[in-house]
C-alpha atoms as a PDB file:
ATOM      1  CA  MET A   1     225.344 135.936 -74.668  1.00  0.00           C
ATOM      2  CA  LYS A   2     225.538 133.301 -72.378  1.00  0.00           C
ATOM      3  CA  GLY A   3     226.543 130.890 -74.842  1.00  0.00           C
ATOM      4  CA  LYS A   4     229.341 132.703 -76.727  1.00  0.00           C
ATOM      5  CA  LYS A   5     230.603 132.946 -73.062  1.00  0.00           C
ATOM      6  CA  LYS A   6     230.191 129.533 -72.286  1.00  0.00           C
ATOM      7  CA  MET A   7     231.703 129.028 -75.794  1.00  0.00           C
ATOM      8  CA  LEU A   8     234.682 131.381 -75.584  1.00  0.00           C
ATOM      9  CA  GLU A   9     235.735 129.589 -72.242  1.00  0.00           C
ATOM     10  CA  GLN A  10     235.622 125.962 -73.708  1.00  0.00           C
ATOM     11  CA  ILE A  11     238.001 127.568 -76.623  1.00  0.00           C
ATOM     12  CA  HIS A  12     240.655 128.925 -73.992  1.00  0.00           C
ATOM     13  CA  ASP A  13     239.940 125.574 -71.968  1.00  0.00           C
ATOM     14  CA  HIS A  14     240.807 124.088 -75.272  1.00  0.00           C
ATOM     15  CA  LEU A  15     243.695 125.818 -76.561  1.00  0.00           C
ATOM     16  CA  LEU A  16     245.589 126.191 -72.627  1.00  0.00           C
ATOM     17  CA  ASP A  17     244.802 122.266 -73.118  1.00  0.00           C
ATOM     18  CA  GLU A  18     247.014 121.906 -76.661  1.00  0.00           C
ATOM     19  CA  LEU A  19     249.341 124.174 -75.268  1.00  0.00           C
ATOM     20  CA  LYS A  20     250.027 121.674 -72.841  1.00  0.00           C
ATOM     21  CA  THR A  21     250.379 118.401 -74.863  1.00  0.00           C
ATOM     22  CA  ASN A  22     252.494 120.978 -76.707  1.00  0.00           C
ATOM     23  CA  THR A  23     254.800 121.264 -73.973  1.00  0.00           C
ATOM     24  CA  LYS A  24     254.664 117.722 -72.779  1.00  0.00           C
ATOM     25  CA  THR A  25     255.286 116.067 -76.305  1.00  0.00           C
ATOM     26  CA  ASP A  26     258.638 118.494 -76.798  1.00  0.00           C
ATOM     27  CA  THR A  27     260.076 117.627 -73.535  1.00  0.00           C
ATOM     28  CA  ILE A  28     259.461 114.048 -74.418  1.00  0.00           C
ATOM     29  CA  PHE A  29     261.447 114.170 -77.784  1.00  0.00           C
ATOM     30  CA  VAL A  30     264.197 116.447 -76.147  1.00  0.00           C
ATOM     31  CA  ILE A  31     264.542 113.928 -73.722  1.00  0.00           C
ATOM     32  CA  THR A  32     264.249 111.020 -76.141  1.00  0.00           C
ATOM     33  CA  ALA A  33     266.675 112.642 -77.982  1.00  0.00           C
ATOM     34  CA  ILE A  34     269.387 113.045 -75.395  1.00  0.00           C
ATOM     35  CA  PHE A  35     268.806 110.354 -73.859  1.00  0.00           C
ATOM     36  CA  LEU A  36     269.750 108.189 -77.449  1.00  0.00           C
ATOM     37  CA  ASN A  37     272.635 110.938 -78.021  1.00  0.00           C
ATOM     38  CA  LEU A  38     274.133 109.144 -75.045  1.00  0.00           C
ATOM     39  CA  LEU A  39     273.618 106.298 -75.406  1.00  0.00           C
ATOM     40  CA  THR A  40     274.480 106.223 -78.800  1.00  0.00           C
ATOM     41  CA  LEU A  41     277.856 107.701 -77.503  1.00  0.00           C
ATOM     42  CA  GLY A  42     278.746 105.263 -74.714  1.00  0.00           C
ATOM     43  CA  VAL A  43     277.489 101.764 -76.822  1.00  0.00           C
ATOM     44  CA  ASN A  44     279.907 103.129 -80.003  1.00  0.00           C
ATOM     45  CA  SER A  45     282.740 104.788 -77.974  1.00  0.00           C
ATOM     46  CA  ALA A  46     283.067 100.625 -76.486  1.00  0.00           C
ATOM     47  CA  VAL A  47     281.937  99.297 -79.793  1.00  0.00           C
ATOM     48  CA  SER A  48     284.477 101.505 -81.547  1.00  0.00           C
ATOM     49  CA  LEU A  49     287.682 100.554 -79.853  1.00  0.00           C
ATOM     50  CA  GLU A  50     287.032  96.591 -81.168  1.00  0.00           C
ATOM     51  CA  ASP A  51     288.226  95.845 -84.245  1.00  0.00           C
ATOM     52  CA  THR A  52     285.409  93.407 -85.556  1.00  0.00           C
ATOM     53  CA  THR A  53     282.746  93.241 -87.908  1.00  0.00           C
ATOM     54  CA  ALA A  54     279.835  93.293 -84.991  1.00  0.00           C
ATOM     55  CA  GLY A  55     281.777  96.319 -83.868  1.00  0.00           C
ATOM     56  CA  TYR A  56     281.535  97.869 -86.975  1.00  0.00           C
ATOM     57  CA  ILE A  57     277.748  96.615 -88.010  1.00  0.00           C
ATOM     58  CA  THR A  58     276.535  98.407 -84.248  1.00  0.00           C
ATOM     59  CA  PHE A  59     278.851 101.552 -84.415  1.00  0.00           C
ATOM     60  CA  VAL A  60     276.805 101.599 -88.464  1.00  0.00           C
ATOM     61  CA  LEU A  61     273.411 100.733 -86.529  1.00  0.00           C
ATOM     62  CA  PHE A  62     273.434 102.737 -83.922  1.00  0.00           C
ATOM     63  CA  LEU A  63     275.006 106.150 -86.048  1.00  0.00           C
ATOM     64  CA  ILE A  64     272.147 105.371 -88.276  1.00  0.00           C
ATOM     65  CA  LEU A  65     269.044 105.460 -85.572  1.00  0.00           C
ATOM     66  CA  ALA A  66     270.096 108.241 -83.965  1.00  0.00           C
ATOM     67  CA  GLY A  67     270.735 110.196 -86.902  1.00  0.00           C
ATOM     68  CA  VAL A  68     266.416 109.190 -87.747  1.00  0.00           C
ATOM     69  CA  VAL A  69     265.621 109.767 -84.399  1.00  0.00           C
ATOM     70  CA  ASN A  70     267.406 113.490 -83.868  1.00  0.00           C
ATOM     71  CA  TRP A  71     265.982 114.198 -87.640  1.00  0.00           C
ATOM     72  CA  VAL A  72     262.174 113.832 -85.974  1.00  0.00           C
ATOM     73  CA  VAL A  73     263.009 115.587 -82.625  1.00  0.00           C
ATOM     74  CA  ILE A  74     264.063 118.425 -84.844  1.00  0.00           C
ATOM     75  CA  LYS A  75     261.271 118.476 -86.961  1.00  0.00           C
ATOM     76  CA  GLY A  76     258.789 117.958 -84.428  1.00  0.00           C
ATOM     77  CA  LEU A  77     260.577 120.673 -82.319  1.00  0.00           C
ATOM     78  CA  LYS A  78     259.683 123.027 -85.386  1.00  0.00           C
ATOM     79  CA  THR A  79     256.466 121.742 -85.714  1.00  0.00           C
ATOM     80  CA  GLY A  80     255.910 122.204 -81.971  1.00  0.00           C
ATOM     81  CA  SER A  81     257.512 125.444 -81.861  1.00  0.00           C
ATOM     82  CA  GLU A  82     254.593 126.205 -84.714  1.00  0.00           C
ATOM     83  CA  SER A  83     252.004 125.026 -83.284  1.00  0.00           C
ATOM     84  CA  ARG A  84     252.775 127.027 -80.402  1.00  0.00           C
ATOM     85  CA  THR A  85     253.035 130.165 -81.975  1.00  0.00           C
ATOM     86  CA  LYS A  86     249.272 129.584 -84.062  1.00  0.00           C
ATOM     87  CA  LEU A  87     248.094 128.455 -80.317  1.00  0.00           C
ATOM     88  CA  LEU A  88     249.026 131.605 -78.631  1.00  0.00           C
ATOM     89  CA  ASN A  89     248.595 133.642 -80.840  1.00  0.00           C
ATOM     90  CA  GLY A  90     245.134 132.527 -81.224  1.00  0.00           C
ATOM     91  CA  LEU A  91     244.986 133.375 -77.579  1.00  0.00           C
ATOM     92  CA  ILE A  92     246.276 136.755 -77.778  1.00  0.00           C
ATOM     93  CA  GLN A  93     243.571 137.225 -80.097  1.00  0.00           C
ATOM     94  CA  MET A  94     240.751 136.691 -78.012  1.00  0.00           C
ATOM     95  CA  TYR A  95     242.668 138.206 -75.147  1.00  0.00           C
ATOM     96  CA  GLU A  96     242.460 141.485 -77.616  1.00  0.00           C
ATOM     97  CA  ASP A  97     238.783 140.700 -78.470  1.00  0.00           C
ATOM     98  CA  GLN A  98     237.641 140.359 -74.592  1.00  0.00           C
ATOM     99  CA  ASP A  99     240.006 143.619 -73.885  1.00  0.00           C
ATOM    100  CA  VAL A 100     242.302 142.390 -71.836  1.00  0.00           C
ATOM    101  CA  ALA A 101     245.484 141.331 -73.651  1.00  0.00           C
ATOM    102  CA  LYS A 102     247.269 144.059 -71.919  1.00  0.00           C
ATOM    103  CA  TYR A 103     247.723 141.498 -69.704  1.00  0.00           C
ATOM    104  CA  TYR A 104     249.706 139.186 -71.516  1.00  0.00           C
ATOM    105  CA  ASP A 105     253.250 140.026 -72.476  1.00  0.00           C
ATOM    106  CA  HIS A 106     253.790 139.368 -76.043  1.00  0.00           C
ATOM    107  CA  SER A 107     257.453 138.959 -75.680  1.00  0.00           C
ATOM    108  CA  LEU A 108     256.862 135.778 -74.699  1.00  0.00           C
ATOM    109  CA  LEU A 109     256.155 134.823 -78.398  1.00  0.00           C
ATOM    110  CA  GLU A 110     259.458 135.462 -78.707  1.00  0.00           C
ATOM    111  CA  ALA A 111     260.717 133.612 -75.372  1.00  0.00           C
ATOM    112  CA  TYR A 112     259.436 130.691 -76.233  1.00  0.00           C
ATOM    113  CA  GLY A 113     261.305 131.025 -79.562  1.00  0.00           C
ATOM    114  CA  LYS A 114     264.020 131.551 -78.265  1.00  0.00           C
ATOM    115  CA  ARG A 115     263.805 127.875 -75.921  1.00  0.00           C
ATOM    116  CA  TYR A 116     262.778 126.031 -79.144  1.00  0.00           C
ATOM    117  CA  ASN A 117     266.172 126.939 -81.318  1.00  0.00           C
ATOM    118  CA  LEU A 118     268.110 126.290 -77.526  1.00  0.00           C
ATOM    119  CA  PHE A 119     266.242 122.579 -77.459  1.00  0.00           C
ATOM    120  CA  THR A 120     267.335 121.913 -80.958  1.00  0.00           C
ATOM    121  CA  ILE A 121     271.047 123.172 -80.082  1.00  0.00           C
ATOM    122  CA  VAL A 122     271.255 120.259 -77.103  1.00  0.00           C
ATOM    123  CA  VAL A 123     269.894 117.770 -79.259  1.00  0.00           C
ATOM    124  CA  VAL A 124     272.167 118.558 -82.274  1.00  0.00           C
ATOM    125  CA  ALA A 125     275.189 118.989 -79.938  1.00  0.00           C
ATOM    126  CA  THR A 126     274.748 115.661 -78.249  1.00  0.00           C
ATOM    127  CA  GLY A 127     274.116 114.089 -81.300  1.00  0.00           C
ATOM    128  CA  VAL A 128     277.172 115.422 -83.139  1.00  0.00           C
ATOM    129  CA  LEU A 129     278.867 114.242 -80.138  1.00  0.00           C
ATOM    130  CA  ALA A 130     277.672 110.663 -80.337  1.00  0.00           C
ATOM    131  CA  PHE A 131     278.663 110.773 -83.841  1.00  0.00           C
ATOM    132  CA  VAL A 132     282.404 112.600 -83.172  1.00  0.00           C
ATOM    133  CA  VAL A 133     284.125 110.758 -79.729  1.00  0.00           C
ATOM    134  CA  PRO A 134     283.386 107.362 -81.537  1.00  0.00           C
ATOM    135  CA  LEU A 135     284.494 108.075 -84.781  1.00  0.00           C
ATOM    136  CA  ALA A 136     288.225 109.936 -82.944  1.00  0.00           C
ATOM    137  CA  LEU A 137     287.945 106.707 -80.803  1.00  0.00           C
ATOM    138  CA  MET A 138     288.104 104.710 -84.363  1.00  0.00           C
ATOM    139  CA  ILE A 139     290.508 107.070 -86.115  1.00  0.00           C
ATOM    140  CA  PHE A 140     292.993 107.492 -83.235  1.00  0.00           C
ATOM    141  CA  ASP A 141     293.443 104.430 -81.332  1.00  0.00           C
END
């Protein structure tokens, strides 16, 4: 029986470590996307006012880079959300098996899903802004 208890403790610790790693990865994804989107906004706003070939090339390259990074981040957040749900469901199952599930509020699963949606909205909003503002400057200048 001691071996089973020890194994459950190790699985529990492993699931918690995976959740921590998941959180760190998601944080890096979101910060990277926002930083790149703001950088793209600044660079492309500056070069959009220039009527040079180099300015157009820079503009397009930064938009492509931002588009690719935003796509990767959104896919990463979706994967992170799915992983978190699986990990938390595993923890809940373990808690139910040990008759301690009443201490875990199941509404947290829904709250985490909402949080991922909010992260995605922030990434998309800053990405759109990084595209629309310089384009507007270019068109209406």
